[in-house]
Amino acid sequence: MTHLTDYRLLCFDVYGTLIDWEGGILAALQPLLANQGQFTREQLLTIYHELEAEQQRLTPDMPYSQLLATVHPLLAARLGLPTPSEEANSAFGESVGHWPAFPDTVEALKRLSKQYKLVVLSNVDRASFAKSNAGSLQGFPFDKIITAQDIGSYKPDARNFEYMKGAVQEEFGIAPGQILQTAQSQFHDHQPARRAGIKSVWIVRPGATMGNREDPIFDWRFDTLGEMADAL
């Protein structure tokens, strides 16, 4: 039987796992939704997630902040709302750098860093991640940062996991069997990680809507990253 301590590297999804992307997205949608009280949280996030995943498939090399700005008017149209201005679309795209970290994140990262190399594999552009890292992640020093912009595709594309495996093998001498994909999203992370031969830790983030699947797969599960750090 393997234990968490048998692994050498945690590969993190960021938005949804370390950062509250659902809360951040809903807050950034408030100008669009002003006086439009008929939508539920689940309804908004489900439609948003569908539109984002499709746009990522259609334009895999589009930087994430630009992709958000592209999705914003599509969401408005799907909800039957007036077409937002270019300024409003741009503001939604730029909001990613201001989404809040979960309260347990930074302290848990500090504790986990004593046991593992910590690597980011995120569906975001470099500039947006830099804002998050300097902001709600409090400048935490990850061992390596890999973004969708570096790879030219978005998770769950298999290329993202192959790129990460090659990068950590080359830089740290760490084989795929020593990596734990540590993430909330079944869609973006756990299912493609399994196909890539990587074990995974499901950070459930109870109440999360986006990225869930009927048949979750994982090797370990914790409600929060803080609980994973406690388990060590």
C-alpha atoms as a PDB file:
ATOM      1  CA  MET A   1       0.000   0.000   0.000  1.00  0.00           C
ATOM      2  CA  THR A   2       1.346   3.396  -0.971  1.00  0.00           C
ATOM      3  CA  HIS A   3       1.301   6.439   1.299  1.00  0.00           C
ATOM      4  CA  LEU A   4       1.236  10.166   0.588  1.00  0.00           C
ATOM      5  CA  THR A   5       4.837  10.362   1.774  1.00  0.00           C
ATOM      6  CA  ASP A   6       5.960   7.966  -0.980  1.00  0.00           C
ATOM      7  CA  TYR A   7       5.658  10.799  -3.546  1.00  0.00           C
ATOM      8  CA  ARG A   8       8.050  13.648  -4.264  1.00  0.00           C
ATOM      9  CA  LEU A   9       6.054  16.270  -6.161  1.00  0.00           C
ATOM     10  CA  LEU A  10       2.592  17.820  -5.982  1.00  0.00           C
ATOM     11  CA  CYS A  11       1.297  19.222  -9.269  1.00  0.00           C
ATOM     12  CA  PHE A  12      -1.412  21.764  -8.509  1.00  0.00           C
ATOM     13  CA  ASP A  13      -4.351  23.033 -10.342  1.00  0.00           C
ATOM     14  CA  VAL A  14      -4.709  26.604  -9.021  1.00  0.00           C
ATOM     15  CA  TYR A  15      -8.128  28.057  -9.855  1.00  0.00           C
ATOM     16  CA  GLY A  16     -10.679  25.916  -8.034  1.00  0.00           C
ATOM     17  CA  THR A  17      -8.096  24.202  -5.821  1.00  0.00           C
ATOM     18  CA  LEU A  18      -5.934  26.964  -4.331  1.00  0.00           C
ATOM     19  CA  ILE A  19      -8.031  29.938  -5.422  1.00  0.00           C
ATOM     20  CA  ASP A  20     -11.823  30.221  -5.141  1.00  0.00           C
ATOM     21  CA  TRP A  21     -12.525  30.608  -8.859  1.00  0.00           C
ATOM     22  CA  GLU A  22     -16.265  30.052  -8.445  1.00  0.00           C
ATOM     23  CA  GLY A  23     -16.502  32.873  -5.906  1.00  0.00           C
ATOM     24  CA  GLY A  24     -14.212  35.020  -8.052  1.00  0.00           C
ATOM     25  CA  ILE A  25     -16.228  34.428 -11.226  1.00  0.00           C
ATOM     26  CA  LEU A  26     -19.558  35.108  -9.525  1.00  0.00           C
ATOM     27  CA  ALA A  27     -18.230  38.344  -8.029  1.00  0.00           C
ATOM     28  CA  ALA A  28     -16.869  39.439 -11.422  1.00  0.00           C
ATOM     29  CA  LEU A  29     -20.255  38.678 -13.038  1.00  0.00           C
ATOM     30  CA  GLN A  30     -22.152  41.012 -10.694  1.00  0.00           C
ATOM     31  CA  PRO A  31     -22.110  44.033 -13.050  1.00  0.00           C
ATOM     32  CA  LEU A  32     -23.618  41.851 -15.796  1.00  0.00           C
ATOM     33  CA  LEU A  33     -26.217  40.419 -13.416  1.00  0.00           C
ATOM     34  CA  ALA A  34     -27.230  43.702 -11.765  1.00  0.00           C
ATOM     35  CA  ASN A  35     -30.977  43.592 -11.045  1.00  0.00           C
ATOM     36  CA  GLN A  36     -31.179  40.149 -12.691  1.00  0.00           C
ATOM     37  CA  GLY A  37     -32.039  38.024  -9.679  1.00  0.00           C
ATOM     38  CA  GLN A  38     -33.515  34.985 -11.395  1.00  0.00           C
ATOM     39  CA  PHE A  39     -30.325  32.927 -11.829  1.00  0.00           C
ATOM     40  CA  THR A  40     -29.026  30.412  -9.283  1.00  0.00           C
ATOM     41  CA  ARG A  41     -25.352  29.961  -8.462  1.00  0.00           C
ATOM     42  CA  GLU A  42     -25.407  26.450  -9.943  1.00  0.00           C
ATOM     43  CA  GLN A  43     -27.127  27.615 -13.122  1.00  0.00           C
ATOM     44  CA  LEU A  44     -24.611  30.417 -13.697  1.00  0.00           C
ATOM     45  CA  LEU A  45     -21.555  28.259 -13.005  1.00  0.00           C
ATOM     46  CA  THR A  46     -22.803  25.324 -15.091  1.00  0.00           C
ATOM     47  CA  ILE A  47     -23.403  27.516 -18.150  1.00  0.00           C
ATOM     48  CA  TYR A  48     -20.141  29.397 -17.617  1.00  0.00           C
ATOM     49  CA  HIS A  49     -18.188  26.142 -17.356  1.00  0.00           C
ATOM     50  CA  GLU A  50     -19.719  24.804 -20.601  1.00  0.00           C
ATOM     51  CA  LEU A  51     -18.880  28.008 -22.473  1.00  0.00           C
ATOM     52  CA  GLU A  52     -15.343  28.200 -21.084  1.00  0.00           C
ATOM     53  CA  ALA A  53     -14.515  24.566 -21.909  1.00  0.00           C
ATOM     54  CA  GLU A  54     -15.836  24.971 -25.464  1.00  0.00           C
ATOM     55  CA  GLN A  55     -13.890  28.206 -25.995  1.00  0.00           C
ATOM     56  CA  GLN A  56     -10.709  26.534 -24.698  1.00  0.00           C
ATOM     57  CA  ARG A  57     -11.251  23.735 -27.202  1.00  0.00           C
ATOM     58  CA  LEU A  58     -11.847  26.170 -30.070  1.00  0.00           C
ATOM     59  CA  THR A  59      -8.975  28.567 -29.265  1.00  0.00           C
ATOM     60  CA  PRO A  60      -6.368  26.541 -27.320  1.00  0.00           C
ATOM     61  CA  ASP A  61      -3.670  29.196 -27.755  1.00  0.00           C
ATOM     62  CA  MET A  62      -5.767  32.177 -26.601  1.00  0.00           C
ATOM     63  CA  PRO A  63      -4.456  33.664 -23.324  1.00  0.00           C
ATOM     64  CA  TYR A  64      -6.854  32.998 -20.460  1.00  0.00           C
ATOM     65  CA  SER A  65      -7.718  36.610 -19.621  1.00  0.00           C
ATOM     66  CA  GLN A  66      -8.636  37.156 -23.290  1.00  0.00           C
ATOM     67  CA  LEU A  67     -10.609  33.908 -23.270  1.00  0.00           C
ATOM     68  CA  LEU A  68     -12.611  35.129 -20.263  1.00  0.00           C
ATOM     69  CA  ALA A  69     -13.341  38.383 -22.075  1.00  0.00           C
ATOM     70  CA  THR A  70     -14.533  36.332 -25.083  1.00  0.00           C
ATOM     71  CA  VAL A  71     -16.814  34.133 -22.961  1.00  0.00           C
ATOM     72  CA  HIS A  72     -18.423  37.078 -21.114  1.00  0.00           C
ATOM     73  CA  PRO A  73     -20.745  38.226 -23.962  1.00  0.00           C
ATOM     74  CA  LEU A  74     -21.507  34.583 -24.853  1.00  0.00           C
ATOM     75  CA  LEU A  75     -22.714  34.071 -21.286  1.00  0.00           C
ATOM     76  CA  ALA A  76     -24.825  37.220 -21.477  1.00  0.00           C
ATOM     77  CA  ALA A  77     -26.427  35.959 -24.694  1.00  0.00           C
ATOM     78  CA  ARG A  78     -27.096  32.503 -23.192  1.00  0.00           C
ATOM     79  CA  LEU A  79     -28.764  34.159 -20.196  1.00  0.00           C
ATOM     80  CA  GLY A  80     -30.838  36.466 -22.404  1.00  0.00           C
ATOM     81  CA  LEU A  81     -29.146  39.606 -21.065  1.00  0.00           C
ATOM     82  CA  PRO A  82     -28.115  42.721 -23.014  1.00  0.00           C
ATOM     83  CA  THR A  83     -24.766  42.555 -24.819  1.00  0.00           C
ATOM     84  CA  PRO A  84     -22.084  43.915 -22.469  1.00  0.00           C
ATOM     85  CA  SER A  85     -19.631  46.631 -23.544  1.00  0.00           C
ATOM     86  CA  GLU A  86     -16.066  45.868 -24.603  1.00  0.00           C
ATOM     87  CA  GLU A  87     -14.940  47.555 -21.368  1.00  0.00           C
ATOM     88  CA  ALA A  88     -17.134  45.197 -19.329  1.00  0.00           C
ATOM     89  CA  ASN A  89     -15.785  42.173 -21.222  1.00  0.00           C
ATOM     90  CA  SER A  90     -12.219  43.314 -20.630  1.00  0.00           C
ATOM     91  CA  ALA A  91     -12.875  43.929 -16.921  1.00  0.00           C
ATOM     92  CA  PHE A  92     -14.214  40.388 -16.558  1.00  0.00           C
ATOM     93  CA  GLY A  93     -11.089  39.040 -18.278  1.00  0.00           C
ATOM     94  CA  GLU A  94      -8.806  41.026 -15.985  1.00  0.00           C
ATOM     95  CA  SER A  95     -10.644  39.892 -12.841  1.00  0.00           C
ATOM     96  CA  VAL A  96      -8.772  36.578 -12.663  1.00  0.00           C
ATOM     97  CA  GLY A  97      -5.771  38.138 -10.928  1.00  0.00           C
ATOM     98  CA  HIS A  98      -8.039  39.337  -8.100  1.00  0.00           C
ATOM     99  CA  TRP A  99      -9.908  36.115  -7.316  1.00  0.00           C
ATOM    100  CA  PRO A 100      -9.422  35.186  -3.634  1.00  0.00           C
ATOM    101  CA  ALA A 101      -7.402  32.252  -2.301  1.00  0.00           C
ATOM    102  CA  PHE A 102      -9.207  29.769  -0.067  1.00  0.00           C
ATOM    103  CA  PRO A 103      -8.451  30.596   3.590  1.00  0.00           C
ATOM    104  CA  ASP A 104      -6.428  27.401   4.152  1.00  0.00           C
ATOM    105  CA  THR A 105      -4.320  27.610   0.996  1.00  0.00           C
ATOM    106  CA  VAL A 106      -1.160  29.555   1.850  1.00  0.00           C
ATOM    107  CA  GLU A 107      -0.554  27.935   5.225  1.00  0.00           C
ATOM    108  CA  ALA A 108      -1.130  24.467   3.723  1.00  0.00           C
ATOM    109  CA  LEU A 109       1.339  25.207   0.892  1.00  0.00           C
ATOM    110  CA  LYS A 110       3.998  26.185   3.436  1.00  0.00           C
ATOM    111  CA  ARG A 111       3.514  22.904   5.289  1.00  0.00           C
ATOM    112  CA  LEU A 112       3.399  20.759   2.139  1.00  0.00           C
ATOM    113  CA  SER A 113       6.564  22.394   0.774  1.00  0.00           C
ATOM    114  CA  LYS A 114       8.556  20.700   3.575  1.00  0.00           C
ATOM    115  CA  GLN A 115       7.682  17.306   2.073  1.00  0.00           C
ATOM    116  CA  TYR A 116       7.310  17.923  -1.688  1.00  0.00           C
ATOM    117  CA  LYS A 117       8.357  19.949  -4.693  1.00  0.00           C
ATOM    118  CA  LEU A 118       5.325  22.123  -5.546  1.00  0.00           C
ATOM    119  CA  VAL A 119       4.554  22.712  -9.220  1.00  0.00           C
ATOM    120  CA  VAL A 120       1.719  24.681 -10.848  1.00  0.00           C
ATOM    121  CA  LEU A 121      -0.044  23.352 -13.967  1.00  0.00           C
ATOM    122  CA  SER A 122      -2.724  25.954 -14.575  1.00  0.00           C
ATOM    123  CA  ASN A 123      -5.235  26.849 -17.300  1.00  0.00           C
ATOM    124  CA  VAL A 124      -4.214  30.491 -17.211  1.00  0.00           C
ATOM    125  CA  ASP A 125      -1.846  32.979 -18.827  1.00  0.00           C
ATOM    126  CA  ARG A 126       1.457  33.992 -17.226  1.00  0.00           C
ATOM    127  CA  ALA A 127       0.437  37.579 -16.436  1.00  0.00           C
ATOM    128  CA  SER A 128      -2.811  36.565 -14.704  1.00  0.00           C
ATOM    129  CA  PHE A 129      -1.057  33.912 -12.638  1.00  0.00           C
ATOM    130  CA  ALA A 130       1.638  36.415 -11.647  1.00  0.00           C
ATOM    131  CA  LYS A 131      -1.103  38.722 -10.302  1.00  0.00           C
ATOM    132  CA  SER A 132      -2.672  35.867  -8.328  1.00  0.00           C
ATOM    133  CA  ASN A 133       0.685  34.749  -7.009  1.00  0.00           C
ATOM    134  CA  ALA A 134       1.612  38.273  -5.874  1.00  0.00           C
ATOM    135  CA  GLY A 135      -1.907  38.869  -4.530  1.00  0.00           C
ATOM    136  CA  SER A 136      -4.033  36.302  -2.738  1.00  0.00           C
ATOM    137  CA  LEU A 137      -1.287  33.615  -2.816  1.00  0.00           C
ATOM    138  CA  GLN A 138       0.959  36.074  -0.895  1.00  0.00           C
ATOM    139  CA  GLY A 139       4.003  35.581  -3.120  1.00  0.00           C
ATOM    140  CA  PHE A 140       4.295  31.872  -2.353  1.00  0.00           C
ATOM    141  CA  PRO A 141       7.495  30.507  -4.028  1.00  0.00           C
ATOM    142  CA  PHE A 142       6.426  27.529  -6.159  1.00  0.00           C
ATOM    143  CA  ASP A 143       9.243  25.329  -7.456  1.00  0.00           C
ATOM    144  CA  LYS A 144       7.957  25.579 -11.027  1.00  0.00           C
ATOM    145  CA  ILE A 145       5.070  27.354 -12.766  1.00  0.00           C
ATOM    146  CA  ILE A 146       3.602  25.959 -15.999  1.00  0.00           C
ATOM    147  CA  THR A 147       0.657  27.732 -17.630  1.00  0.00           C
ATOM    148  CA  ALA A 148      -1.591  26.938 -20.568  1.00  0.00           C
ATOM    149  CA  GLN A 149       0.132  29.845 -22.334  1.00  0.00           C
ATOM    150  CA  ASP A 150       3.475  28.022 -22.065  1.00  0.00           C
ATOM    151  CA  ILE A 151       2.022  24.858 -23.618  1.00  0.00           C
ATOM    152  CA  GLY A 152      -0.432  26.258 -26.164  1.00  0.00           C
ATOM    153  CA  SER A 153      -3.387  24.159 -24.966  1.00  0.00           C
ATOM    154  CA  TYR A 154      -5.739  23.898 -22.002  1.00  0.00           C
ATOM    155  CA  LYS A 155      -6.390  21.009 -19.641  1.00  0.00           C
ATOM    156  CA  PRO A 156      -7.886  18.416 -20.024  1.00  0.00           C
ATOM    157  CA  ASP A 157      -5.755  18.180 -23.202  1.00  0.00           C
ATOM    158  CA  ALA A 158      -3.264  15.322 -22.772  1.00  0.00           C
ATOM    159  CA  ARG A 159      -0.468  17.615 -24.045  1.00  0.00           C
ATOM    160  CA  ASN A 160      -0.560  19.602 -20.814  1.00  0.00           C
ATOM    161  CA  PHE A 161       0.200  16.546 -18.699  1.00  0.00           C
ATOM    162  CA  GLU A 162       2.870  15.250 -21.092  1.00  0.00           C
ATOM    163  CA  TYR A 163       4.546  18.667 -21.022  1.00  0.00           C
ATOM    164  CA  MET A 164       4.483  18.748 -17.227  1.00  0.00           C
ATOM    165  CA  LYS A 165       5.875  15.206 -16.921  1.00  0.00           C
ATOM    166  CA  GLY A 166       8.766  16.044 -19.244  1.00  0.00           C
ATOM    167  CA  ALA A 167       9.498  19.344 -17.493  1.00  0.00           C
ATOM    168  CA  VAL A 168       9.695  17.919 -13.966  1.00  0.00           C
ATOM    169  CA  GLN A 169      11.718  14.915 -15.119  1.00  0.00           C
ATOM    170  CA  GLU A 170      14.225  17.229 -16.790  1.00  0.00           C
ATOM    171  CA  GLU A 171      14.405  19.845 -14.015  1.00  0.00           C
ATOM    172  CA  PHE A 172      14.062  17.747 -10.857  1.00  0.00           C
ATOM    173  CA  GLY A 173      14.705  14.171 -12.010  1.00  0.00           C
ATOM    174  CA  ILE A 174      11.226  13.218 -10.799  1.00  0.00           C
ATOM    175  CA  ALA A 175       9.444  10.409 -12.646  1.00  0.00           C
ATOM    176  CA  PRO A 176       5.664  10.327 -13.296  1.00  0.00           C
ATOM    177  CA  GLY A 177       5.237   7.656 -10.621  1.00  0.00           C
ATOM    178  CA  GLN A 178       6.446  10.166  -8.004  1.00  0.00           C
ATOM    179  CA  ILE A 179       3.913  12.903  -8.943  1.00  0.00           C
ATOM    180  CA  LEU A 180       0.527  13.535  -7.304  1.00  0.00           C
ATOM    181  CA  GLN A 181      -1.899  15.672  -9.312  1.00  0.00           C
ATOM    182  CA  THR A 182      -3.567  17.722  -6.553  1.00  0.00           C
ATOM    183  CA  ALA A 183      -6.787  19.317  -7.726  1.00  0.00           C
ATOM    184  CA  GLN A 184     -10.510  19.932  -7.340  1.00  0.00           C
ATOM    185  CA  SER A 185     -11.704  19.436 -10.926  1.00  0.00           C
ATOM    186  CA  GLN A 186     -12.452  15.927 -12.112  1.00  0.00           C
ATOM    187  CA  PHE A 187     -12.896  17.233 -15.677  1.00  0.00           C
ATOM    188  CA  HIS A 188      -9.678  19.264 -15.950  1.00  0.00           C
ATOM    189  CA  ASP A 189      -7.347  17.221 -13.756  1.00  0.00           C
ATOM    190  CA  HIS A 190      -8.243  13.835 -12.308  1.00  0.00           C
ATOM    191  CA  GLN A 191      -9.535  12.156 -15.432  1.00  0.00           C
ATOM    192  CA  PRO A 192      -6.679  13.276 -17.732  1.00  0.00           C
ATOM    193  CA  ALA A 193      -4.108  12.634 -14.979  1.00  0.00           C
ATOM    194  CA  ARG A 194      -5.307   9.039 -14.726  1.00  0.00           C
ATOM    195  CA  ARG A 195      -4.922   8.652 -18.498  1.00  0.00           C
ATOM    196  CA  ALA A 196      -1.398  10.118 -18.175  1.00  0.00           C
ATOM    197  CA  GLY A 197      -0.455   7.509 -15.557  1.00  0.00           C
ATOM    198  CA  ILE A 198      -0.383   9.981 -12.646  1.00  0.00           C
ATOM    199  CA  LYS A 199      -1.923   9.345  -9.215  1.00  0.00           C
ATOM    200  CA  SER A 200      -4.159  12.080  -7.860  1.00  0.00           C
ATOM    201  CA  VAL A 201      -5.407  13.734  -4.675  1.00  0.00           C
ATOM    202  CA  TRP A 202      -8.934  15.126  -4.910  1.00  0.00           C
ATOM    203  CA  ILE A 203      -9.340  18.396  -2.992  1.00  0.00           C
ATOM    204  CA  VAL A 204     -13.137  18.330  -2.976  1.00  0.00           C
ATOM    205  CA  ARG A 205     -13.894  21.940  -1.922  1.00  0.00           C
ATOM    206  CA  PRO A 206     -17.459  21.024  -0.809  1.00  0.00           C
ATOM    207  CA  GLY A 207     -20.121  22.993  -2.631  1.00  0.00           C
ATOM    208  CA  ALA A 208     -18.036  23.323  -5.801  1.00  0.00           C
ATOM    209  CA  THR A 209     -19.990  23.016  -9.063  1.00  0.00           C
ATOM    210  CA  MET A 210     -17.534  23.361 -11.938  1.00  0.00           C
ATOM    211  CA  GLY A 211     -15.467  20.404 -13.070  1.00  0.00           C
ATOM    212  CA  ASN A 212     -17.455  17.791 -11.158  1.00  0.00           C
ATOM    213  CA  ARG A 213     -18.337  14.443 -12.739  1.00  0.00           C
ATOM    214  CA  GLU A 214     -20.828  11.694 -11.849  1.00  0.00           C
ATOM    215  CA  ASP A 215     -18.009   9.155 -11.434  1.00  0.00           C
ATOM    216  CA  PRO A 216     -15.165  10.852  -9.513  1.00  0.00           C
ATOM    217  CA  ILE A 217     -11.773   9.147  -9.691  1.00  0.00           C
ATOM    218  CA  PHE A 218      -8.934   9.746  -7.216  1.00  0.00           C
ATOM    219  CA  ASP A 219      -6.350   7.944  -5.113  1.00  0.00           C
ATOM    220  CA  TRP A 220      -6.804  10.134  -2.013  1.00  0.00           C
ATOM    221  CA  ARG A 221      -9.460  12.693  -1.154  1.00  0.00           C
ATOM    222  CA  PHE A 222      -9.651  15.596   1.307  1.00  0.00           C
ATOM    223  CA  ASP A 223     -12.215  18.380   1.625  1.00  0.00           C
ATOM    224  CA  THR A 224      -9.488  21.054   1.780  1.00  0.00           C
ATOM    225  CA  LEU A 225      -5.779  21.425   1.170  1.00  0.00           C
ATOM    226  CA  GLY A 226      -5.412  22.114   4.892  1.00  0.00           C
ATOM    227  CA  GLU A 227      -6.811  18.636   5.615  1.00  0.00           C
ATOM    228  CA  MET A 228      -4.237  17.102   3.260  1.00  0.00           C
ATOM    229  CA  ALA A 229      -1.433  18.909   5.109  1.00  0.00           C
ATOM    230  CA  ASP A 230      -2.900  17.643   8.398  1.00  0.00           C
ATOM    231  CA  ALA A 231      -2.901  14.068   7.073  1.00  0.00           C
ATOM    232  CA  LEU A 232       0.880  14.221   6.559  1.00  0.00           C
END
